[in-house]
Amino acid sequence: MAAPYPQVILFGDSLFQQAVRPDGFSFQAALETHCLRRLDVVNRGLSGYNTSNALQALPRIFPSPAPAGSKIEYLLVLFGANDASLPLPTNRQHVPLDRFKINLTRIITHPNIAAHKPKIVLITPPPLDEIHIASKDVADGHGQATREAKISAEYSEAVRQVAAANPDVILVDLWKALMETAVAKTPGFDASSGAVLGDPGSGVRGHLEHLLPDGLHMSSEAYRVFYDLVEPLVGAEWAGTPQEDRVAYVLPDHRVAPWLSEDEYWRRT
C-alpha cells in the first residue's frame, strides 16, 4: 500500500507563487523544512488570479479525495490583492467587494475541499504602497494607479469578516503584521494620527518600500514576517512533543524502520 504524504496547499495569487523564490528568505523552503517527512508543501499560487479565476479552476486543482490519494491537511488561502484592483479598461482583475466575500466563502466551503476536512488558514492580503504603485502604473501606461491603499485595506477587512463568520477557519492578519513592522522601522512616523504608510495622504512610504519593493509584492523580509505567523499553525500536533524531530513521520525513523527480510542478518550483526 502506498504511503502518500498529507499535504499543505498554498492556494492564492502571485504572493504565493513568488513564495518559492530562492533569493534571500524563501517562505516555501522554510515551510518545507518545517514539514519535512510529515507533510508535502504544494504551491498552487497563480499569478494574476482573483477569486473568480480561482473558483473556476478549483475543481482541477482540488480533486475529491481518493483512497490512494493524498489528504489535504492544511489549506492556506491568500487572495484579494487582484480582486482589489480598480475597474479600469487597462486592468480587468477587479472583483466587487461583496462578490469577493462570497467567492472567498465558496472557496473555503467548496465540497472538493470540505471532503478533505483540512485545517483552513485565511490570510489577509498585505498592505499596499500606493505611492510607489501610482508612479509605476502610470509609467506602464495605465494612466493612473491600478490599486488604492484604502480600497485594498477594505479587502483585507473583508477577509477578517469571512474568517470570523466561519469559526473553524484560522485568520492570519498579514496586513496588520506587515504594517506594524513597517511603522516600527520608520523613525518619526506617528500612526496614532490615522496616517497610513504608503497612502498618498500620508506622503510617506517609510519601511514599506523594503517590505513591498514594487508596492505590491513582498520582499524576503516580508516573507519572513509572514512565515513567523504561519509556522506555529502548521504542525501544532507534533510541536513541543517528546522527540519532536521524529514525531509524525510518514515513514518511520531509521532506528525503527524495517529492513528487507533477506537483509535481516546484516541488521542483527
Protein backbone atom coordinates (compact mmCIF):
# COMPACT_ATOMS: atom_id res chain seq x y z
CA MET A 1 0.00 0.00 0.00
CA ALA A 2 1.38 3.39 -0.96
CA ALA A 3 2.00 5.90 1.82
CA PRO A 4 1.05 9.25 0.28
CA TYR A 5 2.11 12.23 2.29
CA PRO A 6 -0.64 14.53 3.57
CA GLN A 7 -0.40 17.98 2.08
CA VAL A 8 -0.16 21.64 2.91
CA ILE A 9 -1.62 23.56 -0.04
CA LEU A 10 -0.69 27.20 -0.67
CA PHE A 11 -3.64 28.49 -2.73
CA GLY A 12 -3.50 32.07 -3.88
CA ASP A 13 -2.15 34.57 -6.37
CA SER A 14 1.39 35.77 -7.11
CA LEU A 15 2.02 36.35 -3.41
CA PHE A 16 2.13 32.56 -3.06
CA GLN A 17 3.61 31.90 -6.49
CA GLN A 18 6.60 34.05 -5.53
CA ALA A 19 6.92 32.41 -2.11
CA VAL A 20 9.22 29.83 -3.70
CA ARG A 21 11.84 32.39 -4.72
CA PRO A 22 15.33 31.34 -3.61
CA ASP A 23 16.76 34.87 -3.21
CA GLY A 24 17.08 35.85 0.43
CA PHE A 25 14.49 34.15 2.64
CA SER A 26 12.24 31.63 0.90
CA PHE A 27 8.87 31.20 2.61
CA GLN A 28 8.18 27.91 0.84
CA ALA A 29 11.61 26.42 1.54
CA ALA A 30 11.28 27.31 5.21
CA LEU A 31 7.81 25.75 5.41
CA GLU A 32 9.02 22.63 3.58
CA THR A 33 11.88 22.31 6.07
CA HIS A 34 9.42 22.64 8.95
CA CYS A 35 7.16 19.95 7.45
CA LEU A 36 9.87 17.62 6.15
CA ARG A 37 8.92 13.92 6.24
CA ARG A 38 5.48 14.76 7.63
CA LEU A 39 3.68 16.92 5.06
CA ASP A 40 4.23 17.81 1.42
CA VAL A 41 4.02 21.53 0.71
CA VAL A 42 2.27 22.11 -2.63
CA ASN A 43 2.33 25.57 -4.19
CA ARG A 44 -0.76 26.50 -6.16
CA GLY A 45 -0.04 30.21 -6.34
CA LEU A 46 -1.43 31.59 -9.60
CA SER A 47 -0.09 34.99 -10.57
CA GLY A 48 -2.77 37.48 -11.57
CA TYR A 49 -5.70 35.34 -10.39
CA ASN A 50 -8.63 36.77 -8.50
CA THR A 51 -11.22 34.77 -6.55
CA SER A 52 -13.40 34.28 -9.63
CA ASN A 53 -10.48 32.76 -11.55
CA ALA A 54 -9.70 30.63 -8.50
CA LEU A 55 -13.23 29.25 -8.20
CA GLN A 56 -13.29 28.39 -11.89
CA ALA A 57 -10.00 26.49 -11.59
CA LEU A 58 -10.66 24.93 -8.18
CA PRO A 59 -12.08 21.56 -9.34
CA ARG A 60 -8.95 20.98 -11.44
CA ILE A 61 -6.66 21.81 -8.53
CA PHE A 62 -8.52 20.02 -5.75
CA PRO A 63 -9.94 16.65 -6.79
CA SER A 64 -12.22 14.77 -4.46
CA PRO A 65 -10.34 12.51 -2.04
CA ALA A 66 -9.33 9.11 -3.40
CA PRO A 67 -8.28 6.01 -1.40
CA ALA A 68 -4.71 6.13 -2.75
CA GLY A 69 -4.57 9.91 -2.95
CA SER A 70 -3.11 12.49 -0.61
CA LYS A 71 -5.21 14.13 2.07
CA ILE A 72 -5.13 17.90 2.31
CA GLU A 73 -4.19 18.51 5.93
CA TYR A 74 -3.79 22.28 5.75
CA LEU A 75 -5.14 24.78 3.22
CA LEU A 76 -3.65 28.28 3.25
CA VAL A 77 -5.71 30.75 1.18
CA LEU A 78 -4.36 34.15 0.12
CA PHE A 79 -6.45 36.12 -2.37
CA GLY A 80 -7.60 39.71 -2.59
CA ALA A 81 -4.68 41.71 -3.96
CA ASN A 82 -6.01 41.36 -7.52
CA ASP A 83 -9.71 41.47 -6.60
CA ALA A 84 -8.99 44.87 -5.03
CA SER A 85 -7.58 46.38 -8.22
CA LEU A 86 -9.60 49.25 -9.70
CA PRO A 87 -12.03 48.53 -12.56
CA LEU A 88 -10.04 50.13 -15.38
CA PRO A 89 -10.03 49.48 -19.14
CA THR A 90 -6.36 48.52 -18.81
CA ASN A 91 -6.85 46.15 -15.86
CA ARG A 92 -9.64 43.57 -15.68
CA GLN A 93 -8.84 41.85 -12.39
CA HIS A 94 -11.35 43.73 -10.22
CA VAL A 95 -13.99 41.79 -8.27
CA PRO A 96 -16.51 43.90 -6.29
CA LEU A 97 -16.07 43.70 -2.53
CA ASP A 98 -19.37 41.91 -1.79
CA ARG A 99 -18.70 39.38 -4.54
CA PHE A 100 -15.17 38.86 -3.23
CA LYS A 101 -16.55 37.84 0.16
CA ILE A 102 -18.99 35.43 -1.50
CA ASN A 103 -16.24 33.92 -3.65
CA LEU A 104 -13.87 33.54 -0.71
CA THR A 105 -16.57 31.78 1.29
CA ARG A 106 -17.30 29.47 -1.65
CA ILE A 107 -13.61 28.58 -1.88
CA ILE A 108 -13.23 27.56 1.75
CA THR A 109 -16.56 25.66 1.79
CA HIS A 110 -16.24 24.02 -1.63
CA PRO A 111 -17.23 20.31 -1.50
CA ASN A 112 -13.90 19.20 -3.00
CA ILE A 113 -12.10 20.93 -0.14
CA ALA A 114 -14.58 20.12 2.62
CA ALA A 115 -14.26 16.41 1.80
CA HIS A 116 -10.63 16.53 2.96
CA LYS A 117 -11.58 18.20 6.27
CA PRO A 118 -8.46 20.35 6.24
CA LYS A 119 -7.41 22.98 8.72
CA ILE A 120 -8.07 26.19 6.78
CA VAL A 121 -5.99 29.34 7.21
CA LEU A 122 -7.33 32.54 5.64
CA ILE A 123 -4.74 35.25 5.08
CA THR A 124 -5.39 38.93 4.55
CA PRO A 125 -3.57 40.45 1.58
CA PRO A 126 -0.67 42.68 2.64
CA PRO A 127 -0.75 46.47 2.71
CA LEU A 128 -0.27 48.43 -0.49
CA ASP A 129 2.35 51.08 -1.17
CA GLU A 130 0.12 53.22 -3.34
CA ILE A 131 2.73 55.98 -3.56
CA HIS A 132 5.05 53.64 -5.43
CA ILE A 133 2.29 51.80 -7.31
CA ALA A 134 0.91 55.05 -8.74
CA SER A 135 4.17 56.13 -10.34
CA LYS A 136 4.87 52.62 -11.63
CA ASP A 137 1.39 52.16 -13.12
CA VAL A 138 1.47 55.49 -14.90
CA ALA A 139 4.86 54.58 -16.37
CA ASP A 140 3.36 51.25 -17.50
CA GLY A 141 0.63 53.03 -19.46
CA HIS A 142 -2.37 52.67 -17.13
CA GLY A 143 -2.88 56.42 -16.81
CA GLN A 144 -3.40 56.15 -13.04
CA ALA A 145 -2.79 53.81 -10.14
CA THR A 146 -4.41 50.40 -10.67
CA ARG A 147 -4.85 50.00 -6.91
CA GLU A 148 -5.50 52.24 -3.93
CA ALA A 149 -4.29 51.63 -0.40
CA LYS A 150 -7.64 52.38 1.26
CA ILE A 151 -9.55 50.06 -1.08
CA SER A 152 -7.00 47.26 -0.65
CA ALA A 153 -7.38 47.64 3.12
CA GLU A 154 -11.15 47.09 2.71
CA TYR A 155 -10.46 43.72 1.07
CA SER A 156 -8.20 42.76 3.97
CA GLU A 157 -11.04 43.66 6.32
CA ALA A 158 -13.38 41.51 4.21
CA VAL A 159 -11.05 38.52 4.76
CA ARG A 160 -11.25 39.15 8.50
CA GLN A 161 -15.04 39.14 8.28
CA VAL A 162 -15.16 35.89 6.29
CA ALA A 163 -12.84 34.23 8.80
CA ALA A 164 -14.98 35.46 11.71
CA ALA A 165 -18.12 34.08 10.04
CA ASN A 166 -16.52 30.63 9.75
CA PRO A 167 -15.46 29.62 13.29
CA ASP A 168 -13.28 26.69 12.22
CA VAL A 169 -11.16 28.94 10.00
CA ILE A 170 -7.93 30.43 11.33
CA LEU A 171 -7.10 34.04 10.43
CA VAL A 172 -3.58 35.25 9.68
CA ASP A 173 -3.62 39.06 9.56
CA LEU A 174 -0.71 39.69 7.22
CA TRP A 175 -1.85 43.29 6.56
CA LYS A 176 -1.62 44.12 10.26
CA ALA A 177 1.71 42.34 10.81
CA LEU A 178 3.47 43.99 7.88
CA MET A 179 2.07 47.44 8.65
CA GLU A 180 3.15 47.15 12.28
CA THR A 181 6.62 46.07 11.14
CA ALA A 182 6.84 48.98 8.70
CA VAL A 183 5.70 51.54 11.29
CA ALA A 184 8.14 50.21 13.89
CA LYS A 185 11.00 50.61 11.38
CA THR A 186 10.02 54.09 10.17
CA PRO A 187 11.60 56.59 12.59
CA GLY A 188 9.40 59.53 13.47
CA PHE A 189 6.23 58.22 11.83
CA ASP A 190 3.16 58.66 14.04
CA ALA A 191 0.45 56.14 13.11
CA SER A 192 -1.74 57.29 16.02
CA SER A 193 -2.78 60.30 13.94
CA GLY A 194 -4.54 57.98 11.48
CA ALA A 195 -1.84 58.35 8.84
CA VAL A 196 -1.06 55.16 6.90
CA LEU A 197 2.28 54.35 5.34
CA GLY A 198 2.11 54.07 1.56
CA ASP A 199 -1.08 56.15 1.33
CA PRO A 200 -0.73 59.35 -0.70
CA GLY A 201 -2.50 61.13 2.18
CA SER A 202 0.47 60.48 4.44
CA GLY A 203 3.04 61.02 1.71
CA VAL A 204 5.36 58.60 3.48
CA ARG A 205 6.45 55.19 2.21
CA GLY A 206 8.75 54.54 5.15
CA HIS A 207 9.86 50.94 5.63
CA LEU A 208 7.10 49.69 3.33
CA GLU A 209 9.50 50.29 0.45
CA HIS A 210 11.66 47.49 1.89
CA LEU A 211 8.74 45.14 2.60
CA LEU A 212 6.95 45.79 -0.73
CA PRO A 213 9.70 46.73 -3.21
CA ASP A 214 7.32 47.21 -6.17
CA GLY A 215 4.49 48.45 -3.96
CA LEU A 216 2.54 45.17 -4.16
CA HIS A 217 4.74 42.07 -3.92
CA MET A 218 6.66 41.05 -0.85
CA SER A 219 10.39 41.10 -0.19
CA SER A 220 12.31 38.38 1.62
CA GLU A 221 11.95 40.40 4.81
CA ALA A 222 8.17 40.49 4.41
CA TYR A 223 8.03 36.76 3.69
CA ARG A 224 9.97 36.19 6.90
CA VAL A 225 7.31 38.12 8.85
CA PHE A 226 4.65 36.05 7.06
CA TYR A 227 6.38 32.76 7.84
CA ASP A 228 6.63 33.61 11.54
CA LEU A 229 2.84 33.94 11.59
CA VAL A 230 2.21 30.66 9.76
CA GLU A 231 4.83 28.33 11.23
CA PRO A 232 3.16 27.91 14.67
CA LEU A 233 -0.14 26.97 12.98
CA VAL A 234 1.22 24.13 10.85
CA GLY A 235 2.23 21.03 12.75
CA ALA A 236 0.97 22.04 16.17
CA GLU A 237 0.15 18.34 16.64
CA TRP A 238 3.84 17.44 16.79
CA ALA A 239 5.41 20.68 18.04
CA GLY A 240 6.57 20.53 21.64
CA THR A 241 6.19 16.76 21.92
CA PRO A 242 8.94 14.43 23.15
CA GLN A 243 11.33 13.62 20.31
CA GLU A 244 9.68 16.40 18.32
CA ASP A 245 12.20 15.97 15.49
CA ARG A 246 10.85 12.49 14.71
CA VAL A 247 7.17 12.56 15.72
CA ALA A 248 4.54 12.15 12.98
CA TYR A 249 6.91 10.99 10.25
CA VAL A 250 5.00 9.34 7.40
CA LEU A 251 7.78 6.77 7.12
CA PRO A 252 9.47 5.71 10.39
CA ASP A 253 12.76 6.95 11.76
CA HIS A 254 15.74 4.90 10.58
CA ARG A 255 16.23 3.44 14.07
CA VAL A 256 12.94 1.55 13.81
CA ALA A 257 12.50 1.34 10.03
CA PRO A 258 12.05 -2.28 8.82
CA TRP A 259 14.66 -3.98 6.64
CA LEU A 260 14.19 -6.31 3.71
CA SER A 261 13.75 -9.82 5.07
CA GLU A 262 16.78 -11.05 3.11
CA ASP A 263 18.92 -8.37 4.77
CA GLU A 264 17.88 -9.13 8.35
CA TYR A 265 21.18 -10.91 9.00
CA TRP A 266 23.13 -7.70 8.41
CA ARG A 267 20.84 -5.74 10.66
CA ARG A 268 21.49 -8.10 13.55
CA THR A 269 25.25 -8.25 13.16
